[in-house]
Amino acid sequence: MFTKKAIKAATVIESAPVIVMTSEDRKLIDQTLLYNYIFEWQPNGADMCCMALGNIPIYNHSYTSNCEYFMDYEKSEMYIQTVRDIEAGEELTINYNGNWDDKTPVWFDVAAD
């Protein structure tokens, strides 16, 4: 995902509905290519997952991301918001850990070790 124009910090750049699935569904999804595109969905500590629609599943990961994703459990939506000013032509990235500045290795970096 790249932007064609400059975007100010704290700008919501995308909002999309999600398909919420149970922990039992997750066991099946983990056996498919969709495993790489789902997000944990844990309202009130529930052990579920979701598939975001729109462009959200194709944002690349960065430990120094310029965007962050948020869950709206009541509306069954996710949204992407910038965490700093972004220049025109810059790639839009999220941190797959959920917090834009979390440096904990994600699953594909752990598996590479």
N, C-alpha and C. Protein backbone atom coordinates (compact mmCIF):
# COMPACT_ATOMS: atom_id res chain seq x y z
N MET A 1 0.85 -1.16 0.00
CA MET A 1 0.00 0.00 0.00
C MET A 1 0.90 1.23 0.00
N PHE A 2 0.65 2.10 -0.94
CA PHE A 2 1.40 3.35 -1.04
C PHE A 2 0.42 4.50 -1.15
N THR A 3 0.83 5.66 -0.67
CA THR A 3 -0.02 6.84 -0.78
C THR A 3 0.45 7.71 -1.94
N LYS A 4 -0.48 8.32 -2.62
CA LYS A 4 -0.13 9.24 -3.71
C LYS A 4 0.04 10.66 -3.20
N LYS A 5 -0.49 10.94 -2.00
CA LYS A 5 -0.39 12.29 -1.45
C LYS A 5 0.04 12.24 0.01
N ALA A 6 0.50 13.36 0.50
CA ALA A 6 0.91 13.46 1.90
C ALA A 6 -0.32 13.31 2.80
N ILE A 7 -0.11 12.68 3.96
CA ILE A 7 -1.20 12.46 4.92
C ILE A 7 -0.71 12.91 6.29
N LYS A 8 -1.52 13.65 7.00
CA LYS A 8 -1.19 14.12 8.34
C LYS A 8 -1.30 13.00 9.37
N ALA A 9 -0.57 13.14 10.46
CA ALA A 9 -0.65 12.20 11.57
C ALA A 9 -2.07 12.18 12.13
N ALA A 10 -2.47 11.03 12.66
CA ALA A 10 -3.78 10.81 13.29
C ALA A 10 -4.94 10.86 12.29
N THR A 11 -4.66 10.58 11.02
CA THR A 11 -5.70 10.54 10.00
C THR A 11 -6.16 9.09 9.80
N VAL A 12 -7.46 8.86 9.87
CA VAL A 12 -8.00 7.54 9.56
C VAL A 12 -7.98 7.42 8.04
N ILE A 13 -7.27 6.42 7.54
CA ILE A 13 -7.15 6.29 6.09
C ILE A 13 -7.97 5.14 5.53
N GLU A 14 -8.44 4.26 6.40
CA GLU A 14 -9.30 3.18 5.93
C GLU A 14 -10.12 2.64 7.09
N SER A 15 -11.35 2.28 6.78
CA SER A 15 -12.24 1.60 7.71
C SER A 15 -12.90 0.48 6.93
N ALA A 16 -12.97 -0.70 7.53
CA ALA A 16 -13.53 -1.84 6.80
C ALA A 16 -14.24 -2.80 7.76
N PRO A 17 -15.30 -3.44 7.27
CA PRO A 17 -15.95 -4.47 8.09
C PRO A 17 -15.06 -5.70 8.19
N VAL A 18 -15.33 -6.52 9.18
CA VAL A 18 -14.59 -7.77 9.37
C VAL A 18 -15.56 -8.93 9.44
N ILE A 19 -15.04 -10.10 9.10
CA ILE A 19 -15.77 -11.35 9.27
C ILE A 19 -15.18 -11.99 10.52
N VAL A 20 -15.99 -12.11 11.56
CA VAL A 20 -15.52 -12.66 12.84
C VAL A 20 -15.71 -14.17 12.85
N MET A 21 -14.68 -14.87 13.35
CA MET A 21 -14.70 -16.33 13.38
C MET A 21 -14.31 -16.85 14.77
N THR A 22 -14.77 -18.03 15.08
CA THR A 22 -14.53 -18.64 16.38
C THR A 22 -13.12 -19.24 16.45
N SER A 23 -12.74 -19.67 17.64
CA SER A 23 -11.44 -20.34 17.80
C SER A 23 -11.43 -21.68 17.05
N GLU A 24 -12.57 -22.32 16.93
CA GLU A 24 -12.66 -23.56 16.16
C GLU A 24 -12.45 -23.28 14.66
N ASP A 25 -13.03 -22.19 14.18
CA ASP A 25 -12.80 -21.78 12.79
C ASP A 25 -11.31 -21.49 12.56
N ARG A 26 -10.69 -20.87 13.55
CA ARG A 26 -9.27 -20.51 13.45
C ARG A 26 -8.39 -21.74 13.22
N LYS A 27 -8.71 -22.83 13.86
CA LYS A 27 -7.93 -24.06 13.68
C LYS A 27 -7.93 -24.50 12.21
N LEU A 28 -9.06 -24.33 11.56
CA LEU A 28 -9.16 -24.69 10.14
C LEU A 28 -8.45 -23.66 9.26
N ILE A 29 -8.65 -22.38 9.57
CA ILE A 29 -8.01 -21.32 8.78
C ILE A 29 -6.49 -21.41 8.87
N ASP A 30 -5.98 -21.79 10.04
CA ASP A 30 -4.53 -21.90 10.22
C ASP A 30 -3.90 -22.94 9.28
N GLN A 31 -4.72 -23.79 8.69
CA GLN A 31 -4.23 -24.81 7.76
C GLN A 31 -4.27 -24.33 6.31
N THR A 32 -4.63 -23.06 6.10
CA THR A 32 -4.76 -22.52 4.74
C THR A 32 -3.87 -21.30 4.56
N LEU A 33 -3.83 -20.79 3.35
CA LEU A 33 -3.09 -19.56 3.07
C LEU A 33 -3.69 -18.34 3.76
N LEU A 34 -4.95 -18.42 4.15
CA LEU A 34 -5.57 -17.30 4.85
C LEU A 34 -4.95 -17.05 6.21
N TYR A 35 -4.21 -18.00 6.73
CA TYR A 35 -3.54 -17.85 8.02
C TYR A 35 -2.74 -16.54 8.08
N ASN A 36 -2.13 -16.17 6.96
CA ASN A 36 -1.29 -14.97 6.92
C ASN A 36 -2.07 -13.67 6.85
N TYR A 37 -3.40 -13.74 6.78
CA TYR A 37 -4.20 -12.53 6.58
C TYR A 37 -5.25 -12.29 7.65
N ILE A 38 -5.29 -13.11 8.67
CA ILE A 38 -6.29 -12.92 9.72
C ILE A 38 -5.69 -12.13 10.89
N PHE A 39 -6.56 -11.59 11.69
CA PHE A 39 -6.19 -10.81 12.87
C PHE A 39 -6.84 -11.44 14.09
N GLU A 40 -6.18 -11.33 15.22
CA GLU A 40 -6.80 -11.76 16.47
C GLU A 40 -7.95 -10.81 16.78
N TRP A 41 -9.04 -11.37 17.27
CA TRP A 41 -10.25 -10.60 17.60
C TRP A 41 -10.65 -11.02 18.99
N GLN A 42 -10.43 -10.16 19.98
CA GLN A 42 -10.60 -10.57 21.36
C GLN A 42 -11.43 -9.60 22.20
N PRO A 43 -12.69 -9.41 21.83
CA PRO A 43 -13.52 -8.56 22.69
C PRO A 43 -13.72 -9.24 24.04
N ASN A 44 -13.49 -8.51 25.09
CA ASN A 44 -13.64 -9.04 26.45
C ASN A 44 -12.85 -10.33 26.67
N GLY A 45 -11.69 -10.44 26.03
CA GLY A 45 -10.83 -11.60 26.21
C GLY A 45 -11.22 -12.83 25.41
N ALA A 46 -12.25 -12.73 24.58
CA ALA A 46 -12.68 -13.88 23.77
C ALA A 46 -11.55 -14.31 22.83
N ASP A 47 -11.47 -15.59 22.56
CA ASP A 47 -10.43 -16.14 21.70
C ASP A 47 -11.00 -16.38 20.31
N MET A 48 -11.05 -15.31 19.51
CA MET A 48 -11.59 -15.39 18.15
C MET A 48 -10.59 -14.77 17.20
N CYS A 49 -10.93 -14.78 15.93
CA CYS A 49 -10.12 -14.11 14.92
C CYS A 49 -11.06 -13.44 13.93
N CYS A 50 -10.48 -12.64 13.05
CA CYS A 50 -11.30 -12.00 12.03
C CYS A 50 -10.52 -11.86 10.74
N MET A 51 -11.26 -11.76 9.68
CA MET A 51 -10.71 -11.44 8.36
C MET A 51 -11.24 -10.07 8.02
N ALA A 52 -10.33 -9.11 7.91
CA ALA A 52 -10.73 -7.76 7.54
C ALA A 52 -10.97 -7.70 6.04
N LEU A 53 -11.97 -6.97 5.65
CA LEU A 53 -12.23 -6.77 4.23
C LEU A 53 -11.51 -5.49 3.80
N GLY A 54 -11.73 -5.05 2.60
CA GLY A 54 -11.02 -3.87 2.11
C GLY A 54 -9.55 -4.19 1.89
N ASN A 55 -8.70 -3.18 2.04
CA ASN A 55 -7.26 -3.36 1.81
C ASN A 55 -6.48 -3.74 3.07
N ILE A 56 -7.12 -3.75 4.21
CA ILE A 56 -6.41 -3.96 5.47
C ILE A 56 -5.53 -5.22 5.47
N PRO A 57 -5.96 -6.34 4.93
CA PRO A 57 -5.10 -7.54 4.98
C PRO A 57 -3.82 -7.45 4.15
N ILE A 58 -3.70 -6.45 3.29
CA ILE A 58 -2.50 -6.42 2.44
C ILE A 58 -1.49 -5.34 2.83
N TYR A 59 -1.70 -4.65 3.96
CA TYR A 59 -0.68 -3.72 4.45
C TYR A 59 0.52 -4.55 4.90
N ASN A 60 1.70 -4.14 4.49
CA ASN A 60 2.91 -4.83 4.92
C ASN A 60 3.24 -4.50 6.36
N HIS A 61 4.02 -5.40 6.97
CA HIS A 61 4.45 -5.26 8.35
C HIS A 61 5.73 -4.42 8.44
N SER A 62 5.83 -3.63 9.50
CA SER A 62 7.08 -2.95 9.84
C SER A 62 7.11 -2.76 11.35
N TYR A 63 8.30 -2.98 11.95
CA TYR A 63 8.45 -2.71 13.39
C TYR A 63 8.48 -1.21 13.65
N THR A 64 8.67 -0.42 12.61
CA THR A 64 8.63 1.04 12.71
C THR A 64 7.53 1.55 11.78
N SER A 65 6.34 1.02 11.94
CA SER A 65 5.23 1.33 11.04
C SER A 65 4.82 2.79 11.14
N ASN A 66 4.18 3.26 10.09
CA ASN A 66 3.68 4.64 10.07
C ASN A 66 2.16 4.70 10.27
N CYS A 67 1.55 3.52 10.42
CA CYS A 67 0.10 3.43 10.68
C CYS A 67 -0.14 2.40 11.79
N GLU A 68 -1.31 2.46 12.35
CA GLU A 68 -1.71 1.50 13.37
C GLU A 68 -3.14 1.05 13.07
N TYR A 69 -3.43 -0.20 13.41
CA TYR A 69 -4.81 -0.66 13.21
C TYR A 69 -5.53 -0.74 14.54
N PHE A 70 -6.83 -0.53 14.47
CA PHE A 70 -7.69 -0.54 15.65
C PHE A 70 -8.91 -1.39 15.37
N MET A 71 -9.43 -2.01 16.41
CA MET A 71 -10.63 -2.84 16.32
C MET A 71 -11.81 -2.09 16.94
N ASP A 72 -12.92 -2.11 16.26
CA ASP A 72 -14.17 -1.60 16.81
C ASP A 72 -15.08 -2.82 16.97
N TYR A 73 -15.07 -3.38 18.18
CA TYR A 73 -15.80 -4.63 18.43
C TYR A 73 -17.31 -4.46 18.31
N GLU A 74 -17.82 -3.30 18.68
CA GLU A 74 -19.27 -3.08 18.61
C GLU A 74 -19.77 -3.05 17.17
N LYS A 75 -18.97 -2.47 16.27
CA LYS A 75 -19.38 -2.35 14.87
C LYS A 75 -18.84 -3.48 13.99
N SER A 76 -18.01 -4.36 14.57
CA SER A 76 -17.33 -5.40 13.79
C SER A 76 -16.58 -4.79 12.61
N GLU A 77 -15.73 -3.83 12.95
CA GLU A 77 -14.92 -3.13 11.96
C GLU A 77 -13.49 -2.97 12.45
N MET A 78 -12.60 -2.76 11.50
CA MET A 78 -11.22 -2.36 11.80
C MET A 78 -10.97 -1.06 11.06
N TYR A 79 -10.04 -0.27 11.61
CA TYR A 79 -9.64 0.91 10.86
C TYR A 79 -8.14 1.14 11.00
N ILE A 80 -7.60 1.82 10.01
CA ILE A 80 -6.18 2.13 9.94
C ILE A 80 -6.02 3.64 10.11
N GLN A 81 -5.10 4.01 11.01
CA GLN A 81 -4.86 5.43 11.28
C GLN A 81 -3.36 5.69 11.24
N THR A 82 -2.96 6.83 10.70
CA THR A 82 -1.55 7.18 10.65
C THR A 82 -1.06 7.54 12.05
N VAL A 83 0.20 7.21 12.34
CA VAL A 83 0.79 7.54 13.64
C VAL A 83 1.77 8.71 13.53
N ARG A 84 2.04 9.12 12.30
CA ARG A 84 2.90 10.28 12.05
C ARG A 84 2.55 10.84 10.67
N ASP A 85 3.10 12.01 10.36
CA ASP A 85 2.92 12.56 9.02
C ASP A 85 3.58 11.62 8.01
N ILE A 86 2.93 11.43 6.88
CA ILE A 86 3.42 10.52 5.85
C ILE A 86 3.58 11.31 4.55
N GLU A 87 4.70 11.11 3.89
CA GLU A 87 4.99 11.82 2.65
C GLU A 87 4.34 11.14 1.45
N ALA A 88 4.10 11.90 0.41
CA ALA A 88 3.56 11.35 -0.84
C ALA A 88 4.50 10.28 -1.36
N GLY A 89 3.95 9.16 -1.83
CA GLY A 89 4.74 8.06 -2.36
C GLY A 89 5.26 7.08 -1.33
N GLU A 90 5.03 7.34 -0.07
CA GLU A 90 5.53 6.48 1.00
C GLU A 90 4.65 5.23 1.15
N GLU A 91 5.28 4.11 1.47
CA GLU A 91 4.52 2.89 1.75
C GLU A 91 3.82 3.04 3.09
N LEU A 92 2.57 2.59 3.15
CA LEU A 92 1.80 2.58 4.39
C LEU A 92 1.98 1.20 5.02
N THR A 93 2.45 1.17 6.26
CA THR A 93 2.72 -0.10 6.94
C THR A 93 2.05 -0.13 8.31
N ILE A 94 1.80 -1.35 8.77
CA ILE A 94 1.29 -1.57 10.12
C ILE A 94 2.21 -2.55 10.82
N ASN A 95 2.16 -2.57 12.13
CA ASN A 95 2.92 -3.54 12.90
C ASN A 95 1.97 -4.68 13.23
N TYR A 96 2.29 -5.88 12.77
CA TYR A 96 1.40 -7.01 12.96
C TYR A 96 1.23 -7.39 14.43
N ASN A 97 2.06 -6.84 15.31
CA ASN A 97 1.90 -7.09 16.75
C ASN A 97 0.69 -6.36 17.33
N GLY A 98 0.15 -5.42 16.61
CA GLY A 98 -1.01 -4.68 17.10
C GLY A 98 -0.68 -3.30 17.61
N ASN A 99 0.50 -3.10 18.15
CA ASN A 99 0.95 -1.78 18.59
C ASN A 99 2.04 -1.31 17.65
N TRP A 100 1.90 -0.11 17.13
CA TRP A 100 2.78 0.37 16.06
C TRP A 100 4.25 0.37 16.43
N ASP A 101 4.60 0.44 17.70
CA ASP A 101 6.01 0.51 18.09
C ASP A 101 6.50 -0.74 18.83
N ASP A 102 5.77 -1.84 18.77
CA ASP A 102 6.13 -3.09 19.44
C ASP A 102 7.19 -3.82 18.61
N LYS A 103 8.36 -4.04 19.20
CA LYS A 103 9.48 -4.67 18.48
C LYS A 103 9.54 -6.19 18.69
N THR A 104 8.55 -6.78 19.34
CA THR A 104 8.53 -8.23 19.55
C THR A 104 8.49 -8.92 18.19
N PRO A 105 9.38 -9.90 17.96
CA PRO A 105 9.37 -10.58 16.66
C PRO A 105 8.01 -11.22 16.35
N VAL A 106 7.53 -11.00 15.13
CA VAL A 106 6.27 -11.61 14.69
C VAL A 106 6.55 -13.02 14.19
N TRP A 107 5.49 -13.80 13.95
CA TRP A 107 5.61 -15.22 13.67
C TRP A 107 6.59 -15.54 12.55
N PHE A 108 6.61 -14.78 11.48
CA PHE A 108 7.50 -15.15 10.37
C PHE A 108 8.95 -14.81 10.66
N ASP A 109 9.23 -13.89 11.56
CA ASP A 109 10.61 -13.65 11.97
C ASP A 109 11.07 -14.70 12.98
N VAL A 110 10.16 -15.15 13.84
CA VAL A 110 10.50 -16.21 14.80
C VAL A 110 10.77 -17.51 14.05
N ALA A 111 9.94 -17.82 13.05
CA ALA A 111 10.10 -19.05 12.28
C ALA A 111 11.41 -19.05 11.48
N ALA A 112 11.90 -17.86 11.12
CA ALA A 112 13.13 -17.76 10.32
C ALA A 112 14.38 -18.04 11.15
N ASP A 113 14.28 -17.95 12.46
CA ASP A 113 15.46 -18.16 13.33
C ASP A 113 15.90 -19.59 13.41
